[in-house]
Amino acid sequence: MSSVTIGIIGGTGNMGRWFERFFSQSGHKVLISGRKTELTYNDLAKNCDVVILSTPLDAAVRISKEIGPVLSREQLLMDFCSLKESILKSMLSFTSAEVIGTHPLFGPFTDSLKGQNIIVCPGRGTDRLKWLENEFREGEAVVTRMDPVTHDRHMAVVQGLTHFLTISMGKTLQKMNMSPDEALLSSTPIFRINLDLIARLFGQDLDLYASLINKNRHTKEALKTFLSAMDEVKESLLSDRNEDKISFLEDIKTFLGDYCQTGLEESNKILNTLYDKERRRNNFPRQGT
C-alpha cells in the first residue's frame, strides 16, 4: 500500500506527536486534530484514509461514537488506548470501517520503534491490518496479535499491578518519613532504580496511572492473586525453618526457568549503564583503571 493520509485525533498530545513524526518519516501525510485545533474530528474522518484515536479511553469511546458513522468501509479506525475491550466494542459498533485496536507499549520519550512491543487487536478487515503491521515492523517493532480480553488481563499485571506496587512503595516511604535524599544515601543499585521508577511515576500524568489501575476490570483479580501470593511469601520467608524458605524460592525459580539468567544479564547491563553515566558525571575512574 502506497502513501496514505493519516489523521491523529489527540495529535497535539505527546504520543500523538510521536506517531505524527513516525508516520511522516515513513512517507505518509499526517493531519492532527485536538480540542483547540482548527481542524475538527469530523474533518479528519472525512479526509483521511486512516483515523487514529490517541486520547484517554473515555474520550476515545465518546469520539468513536461521534465520527464512526462518517467513515466508509474503505477507511480504517484505530486507537492507541491502554485498554482494548471497551474501545474495540465501541469502534465496531459505530462504524462500518475497518477497525484495529493498537497498544504501543512504550512512552513518548522513546527514541525509535526498534525493539519496542506493540500489541495489535484485529477488529474488522484485513487489508489495513496487514498494512499497519508492516509499517510497525518496518520500524523494527515487535508486533503481536492478541484478542482484547487477553490483552486487558495481561495489562492488569503489566500495568495495573506494576503501578500499584510502585505507588504502594511510594506511600511506604511517606509513612516511614524516609525522604528520597535520605534513602539514596543507603541505597543499593537495585533500590536506586526502584526509587527512580517511583519518582518517574509521580513525575508524570497521575490521572493516567489511576485510570490504568481503576478502569481495567481485571485489576481486582490480579491484586487478589498478588495479595494471596504476598501472604505465602511472608509466611515462608519469616518462618524459622530455613529449608522451607529455600524450597519455596527454588519452586519459583523453576517456574521462571531460563529467564532467570536472561534477566540477570539484562539487569546487569542496565546497572552498568546507570553507574557508567554516574562515573562520567562525577569524573570517577572506572574500576580497575
Protein backbone atom coordinates (compact mmCIF):
# COMPACT_ATOMS: atom_id res chain seq x y z
CA MET A 1 0.00 0.00 0.00
CA SER A 2 1.45 3.37 -1.05
CA SER A 3 1.43 6.63 0.87
CA VAL A 4 -1.81 7.30 2.75
CA THR A 5 -3.30 10.22 4.62
CA ILE A 6 -3.39 9.60 8.37
CA GLY A 7 -5.38 11.66 10.85
CA ILE A 8 -4.50 11.59 14.54
CA ILE A 9 -7.21 12.73 16.93
CA GLY A 10 -5.39 13.82 20.06
CA GLY A 11 -2.43 14.54 17.84
CA THR A 12 -1.34 17.51 19.94
CA GLY A 13 -0.52 15.18 22.87
CA ASN A 14 2.86 13.58 23.42
CA MET A 15 2.04 10.19 21.89
CA GLY A 16 0.14 11.81 19.06
CA ARG A 17 3.17 13.96 18.21
CA TRP A 18 5.43 10.91 18.44
CA PHE A 19 3.41 9.00 15.86
CA GLU A 20 2.99 12.09 13.71
CA ARG A 21 6.79 12.09 13.33
CA PHE A 22 6.92 8.33 12.81
CA PHE A 23 4.32 8.20 10.04
CA SER A 24 5.63 11.38 8.40
CA GLN A 25 9.13 9.92 8.26
CA SER A 26 7.61 6.80 6.69
CA GLY A 27 6.34 8.95 3.80
CA HIS A 28 2.72 9.46 4.78
CA LYS A 29 0.75 12.69 5.03
CA VAL A 30 -0.32 13.26 8.63
CA LEU A 31 -3.04 15.60 9.88
CA ILE A 32 -3.66 16.22 13.56
CA SER A 33 -6.70 17.38 15.48
CA GLY A 34 -7.14 18.32 19.12
CA ARG A 35 -9.56 20.23 21.29
CA LYS A 36 -8.02 23.56 20.26
CA THR A 37 -7.11 22.94 16.62
CA GLU A 38 -8.97 24.46 13.70
CA LEU A 39 -9.21 21.03 12.11
CA THR A 40 -12.13 19.14 13.69
CA TYR A 41 -12.55 15.44 14.39
CA ASN A 42 -15.14 15.21 11.62
CA ASP A 43 -12.74 16.93 9.21
CA LEU A 44 -10.25 14.12 9.80
CA ALA A 45 -12.92 11.45 9.43
CA LYS A 46 -13.92 12.84 6.03
CA ASN A 47 -10.43 13.43 4.64
CA CYS A 48 -8.14 10.69 5.95
CA ASP A 49 -7.60 7.08 4.92
CA VAL A 50 -6.66 6.17 8.48
CA VAL A 51 -8.04 7.80 11.63
CA ILE A 52 -6.23 7.18 14.93
CA LEU A 53 -7.72 7.88 18.35
CA SER A 54 -4.80 8.97 20.54
CA THR A 55 -6.76 10.12 23.60
CA PRO A 56 -7.67 8.82 27.06
CA LEU A 57 -10.01 5.83 26.99
CA ASP A 58 -13.25 7.63 27.91
CA ALA A 59 -12.65 10.29 25.27
CA ALA A 60 -11.79 7.67 22.65
CA VAL A 61 -15.06 5.81 23.27
CA ARG A 62 -17.02 9.06 23.01
CA ILE A 63 -15.24 10.22 19.84
CA SER A 64 -15.64 6.82 18.15
CA LYS A 65 -19.41 7.20 18.52
CA GLU A 66 -19.22 10.69 17.03
CA ILE A 67 -17.06 10.03 13.98
CA GLY A 68 -17.75 6.33 13.37
CA PRO A 69 -20.81 6.85 11.16
CA VAL A 70 -18.85 9.32 8.99
CA LEU A 71 -16.26 6.71 7.98
CA SER A 72 -16.61 4.45 4.94
CA ARG A 73 -15.78 0.77 4.59
CA GLU A 74 -12.52 1.64 2.84
CA GLN A 75 -11.16 3.64 5.77
CA LEU A 76 -9.50 2.45 8.97
CA LEU A 77 -10.42 3.49 12.52
CA MET A 78 -7.87 2.55 15.16
CA ASP A 79 -6.77 3.62 18.63
CA PHE A 80 -3.76 3.81 20.95
CA CYS A 81 -5.62 3.22 24.24
CA SER A 82 -4.05 1.18 27.04
CA LEU A 83 -7.18 -0.98 27.42
CA LYS A 84 -8.83 -2.70 24.49
CA GLU A 85 -12.16 -4.35 25.35
CA SER A 86 -14.37 -1.27 25.61
CA ILE A 87 -12.81 0.75 22.79
CA LEU A 88 -12.89 -2.20 20.34
CA LYS A 89 -16.55 -2.79 21.17
CA SER A 90 -17.36 0.89 20.62
CA MET A 91 -15.45 1.22 17.33
CA LEU A 92 -17.01 -1.94 15.92
CA SER A 93 -20.49 -0.81 16.95
CA PHE A 94 -20.44 2.68 15.48
CA THR A 95 -18.62 2.35 12.16
CA SER A 96 -18.55 0.18 9.06
CA ALA A 97 -14.87 1.00 8.51
CA GLU A 98 -12.04 -1.43 9.15
CA VAL A 99 -11.17 -1.47 12.86
CA ILE A 100 -7.94 -2.23 14.71
CA GLY A 101 -7.13 -1.87 18.39
CA THR A 102 -3.49 -0.96 18.96
CA HIS A 103 -1.43 -0.56 22.13
CA PRO A 104 2.12 0.80 21.82
CA LEU A 105 3.84 -0.45 24.97
CA PHE A 106 6.20 2.47 25.34
CA GLY A 107 6.10 6.17 26.17
CA PRO A 108 6.65 9.35 24.14
CA PHE A 109 10.26 9.69 25.32
CA THR A 110 11.30 6.61 23.33
CA ASP A 111 13.81 7.31 20.55
CA SER A 112 12.50 4.82 17.99
CA LEU A 113 10.29 1.77 17.46
CA LYS A 114 13.29 -0.56 17.34
CA GLY A 115 12.72 -3.42 19.77
CA GLN A 116 9.54 -1.90 21.22
CA ASN A 117 6.42 -4.04 21.80
CA ILE A 118 3.18 -3.16 20.03
CA ILE A 119 0.01 -5.18 20.62
CA VAL A 120 -2.47 -5.33 17.75
CA CYS A 121 -6.07 -6.46 18.33
CA PRO A 122 -7.77 -7.17 14.98
CA GLY A 123 -11.33 -5.92 14.84
CA ARG A 124 -12.64 -5.81 11.27
CA GLY A 125 -10.91 -6.16 7.92
CA THR A 126 -7.53 -7.47 6.78
CA ASP A 127 -6.12 -5.07 4.17
CA ARG A 128 -5.37 -2.21 6.56
CA LEU A 129 -4.31 -4.69 9.24
CA LYS A 130 -1.53 -6.05 7.04
CA TRP A 131 -0.51 -2.51 6.10
CA LEU A 132 -0.33 -1.35 9.73
CA GLU A 133 1.64 -4.35 10.93
CA ASN A 134 4.07 -3.86 8.06
CA GLU A 135 4.51 -0.17 8.98
CA PHE A 136 5.40 -1.10 12.55
CA ARG A 137 7.71 -3.94 11.51
CA GLU A 138 9.48 -1.63 9.08
CA GLY A 139 10.30 0.43 12.18
CA GLU A 140 11.67 -2.80 13.77
CA ALA A 141 8.93 -3.04 16.39
CA VAL A 142 7.91 -6.38 17.90
CA VAL A 143 4.29 -6.75 16.75
CA THR A 144 2.00 -9.26 18.48
CA ARG A 145 -1.62 -10.02 17.66
CA MET A 146 -3.84 -10.53 20.69
CA ASP A 147 -7.54 -10.65 21.44
CA PRO A 148 -8.79 -7.72 23.59
CA VAL A 149 -9.75 -9.79 26.65
CA THR A 150 -6.32 -11.44 26.84
CA HIS A 151 -4.70 -8.03 26.34
CA ASP A 152 -6.60 -6.45 29.21
CA ARG A 153 -5.88 -9.39 31.52
CA HIS A 154 -2.18 -9.04 30.74
CA MET A 155 -2.33 -5.28 31.32
CA ALA A 156 -3.87 -5.89 34.75
CA VAL A 157 -0.44 -7.31 35.67
CA VAL A 158 1.93 -5.44 33.34
CA GLN A 159 0.45 -2.02 34.12
CA GLY A 160 -2.16 -2.27 36.87
CA LEU A 161 -0.22 -4.41 39.35
CA THR A 162 3.13 -2.83 38.47
CA HIS A 163 1.88 0.70 39.06
CA PHE A 164 0.01 -0.44 42.20
CA LEU A 165 3.30 -1.73 43.63
CA THR A 166 5.15 1.45 42.70
CA ILE A 167 2.50 3.67 44.30
CA SER A 168 2.44 1.45 47.39
CA MET A 169 6.22 1.71 47.72
CA GLY A 170 5.99 5.50 47.48
CA LYS A 171 3.32 5.51 50.19
CA THR A 172 5.50 3.27 52.37
CA LEU A 173 8.39 5.74 52.13
CA GLN A 174 5.99 8.54 53.06
CA LYS A 175 4.61 6.64 56.07
CA MET A 176 8.16 5.88 57.23
CA ASN A 177 9.14 9.52 56.64
CA MET A 178 12.12 8.39 54.55
CA SER A 179 12.84 11.15 52.03
CA PRO A 180 14.42 10.32 48.64
CA ASP A 181 17.63 12.14 49.62
CA GLU A 182 17.86 10.11 52.81
CA ALA A 183 17.05 6.85 51.02
CA LEU A 184 19.71 7.44 48.36
CA LEU A 185 22.46 7.63 51.00
CA SER A 186 21.93 3.98 51.87
CA SER A 187 20.57 2.66 48.59
CA THR A 188 21.76 -0.37 46.68
CA PRO A 189 21.88 -0.21 42.85
CA ILE A 190 18.55 -2.07 42.61
CA PHE A 191 16.87 0.18 45.16
CA ARG A 192 18.22 3.23 43.30
CA ILE A 193 16.45 2.07 40.15
CA ASN A 194 13.25 1.36 42.08
CA LEU A 195 13.39 4.81 43.65
CA ASP A 196 13.87 6.35 40.21
CA LEU A 197 10.82 4.45 38.95
CA ILE A 198 8.73 5.69 41.88
CA ALA A 199 9.77 9.27 41.12
CA ARG A 200 9.16 8.69 37.39
CA LEU A 201 5.55 7.67 38.02
CA PHE A 202 4.78 10.60 40.30
CA GLY A 203 6.51 12.99 37.88
CA GLN A 204 4.02 12.21 35.09
CA ASP A 205 0.25 12.17 34.49
CA LEU A 206 -1.24 10.87 37.75
CA ASP A 207 -4.72 10.58 36.24
CA LEU A 208 -3.34 8.16 33.64
CA TYR A 209 -1.88 5.84 36.28
CA ALA A 210 -5.05 5.96 38.37
CA SER A 211 -7.06 5.04 35.26
CA LEU A 212 -4.77 2.15 34.32
CA ILE A 213 -5.44 0.61 37.73
CA ASN A 214 -9.08 1.56 38.22
CA LYS A 215 -10.61 1.13 34.76
CA ASN A 216 -9.28 -2.33 33.97
CA ARG A 217 -11.95 -4.78 35.11
CA HIS A 218 -9.28 -7.47 35.54
CA THR A 219 -7.18 -5.48 38.03
CA LYS A 220 -9.10 -6.68 41.09
CA GLU A 221 -8.42 -10.29 40.15
CA ALA A 222 -4.71 -9.57 39.66
CA LEU A 223 -4.49 -7.75 43.01
CA LYS A 224 -6.35 -10.56 44.77
CA THR A 225 -3.85 -13.05 43.39
CA PHE A 226 -0.94 -10.79 44.35
CA LEU A 227 -2.14 -10.33 47.93
CA SER A 228 -2.55 -14.10 48.25
CA ALA A 229 0.98 -14.59 46.92
CA MET A 230 2.29 -11.95 49.31
CA ASP A 231 0.78 -13.81 52.26
CA GLU A 232 2.50 -17.00 51.12
CA VAL A 233 5.84 -15.20 50.73
CA LYS A 234 5.51 -13.62 54.17
CA GLU A 235 4.64 -16.92 55.82
CA SER A 236 7.53 -18.71 54.13
CA LEU A 237 10.32 -16.15 54.44
CA LEU A 238 9.51 -15.25 58.05
CA SER A 239 9.48 -18.92 59.01
CA ASP A 240 12.14 -20.30 61.35
CA ARG A 241 12.72 -23.26 59.03
CA ASN A 242 15.47 -22.30 56.55
CA GLU A 243 14.86 -25.38 54.39
CA ASP A 244 11.26 -24.23 53.85
CA LYS A 245 12.44 -20.81 52.66
CA ILE A 246 14.89 -22.26 50.16
CA SER A 247 12.36 -24.79 48.86
CA PHE A 248 9.79 -22.02 48.42
CA LEU A 249 12.22 -19.85 46.45
CA GLU A 250 13.51 -22.78 44.37
CA ASP A 251 9.94 -23.56 43.31
CA ILE A 252 9.52 -20.03 41.93
CA LYS A 253 12.93 -20.20 40.27
CA THR A 254 11.92 -23.41 38.48
CA PHE A 255 8.80 -21.68 37.15
CA LEU A 256 10.84 -18.76 35.80
CA GLY A 257 13.24 -21.17 34.12
CA ASP A 258 15.91 -19.88 31.75
CA TYR A 259 14.65 -16.32 32.07
CA CYS A 260 16.46 -16.08 35.43
CA GLN A 261 19.78 -15.96 33.56
CA THR A 262 18.37 -13.68 30.85
CA GLY A 263 17.06 -11.27 33.45
CA LEU A 264 20.36 -11.30 35.32
CA GLU A 265 22.28 -10.40 32.17
CA GLU A 266 19.84 -7.68 31.09
CA SER A 267 19.67 -6.09 34.53
CA ASN A 268 23.47 -6.08 34.73
CA LYS A 269 23.55 -4.06 31.51
CA ILE A 270 21.07 -1.57 32.99
CA LEU A 271 23.06 -1.23 36.20
CA ASN A 272 26.36 -0.86 34.37
CA THR A 273 24.90 1.83 32.13
CA LEU A 274 23.49 3.69 35.11
CA TYR A 275 26.76 3.73 37.00
CA ASP A 276 28.90 4.42 33.94
CA LYS A 277 26.87 7.61 33.47
CA GLU A 278 27.30 8.40 37.15
CA ARG A 279 31.08 7.94 36.91
CA ARG A 280 31.34 10.18 33.86
CA ARG A 281 29.21 12.85 35.51
CA ASN A 282 31.47 12.86 38.55
CA ASN A 283 34.73 12.19 36.63
CA PHE A 284 35.28 8.98 38.57
CA PRO A 285 37.70 6.47 37.02
CA ARG A 286 36.27 3.10 36.08
CA GLN A 287 37.08 0.33 38.50
CA GLY A 288 40.39 -1.31 37.59
CA THR A 289 41.75 1.63 35.58
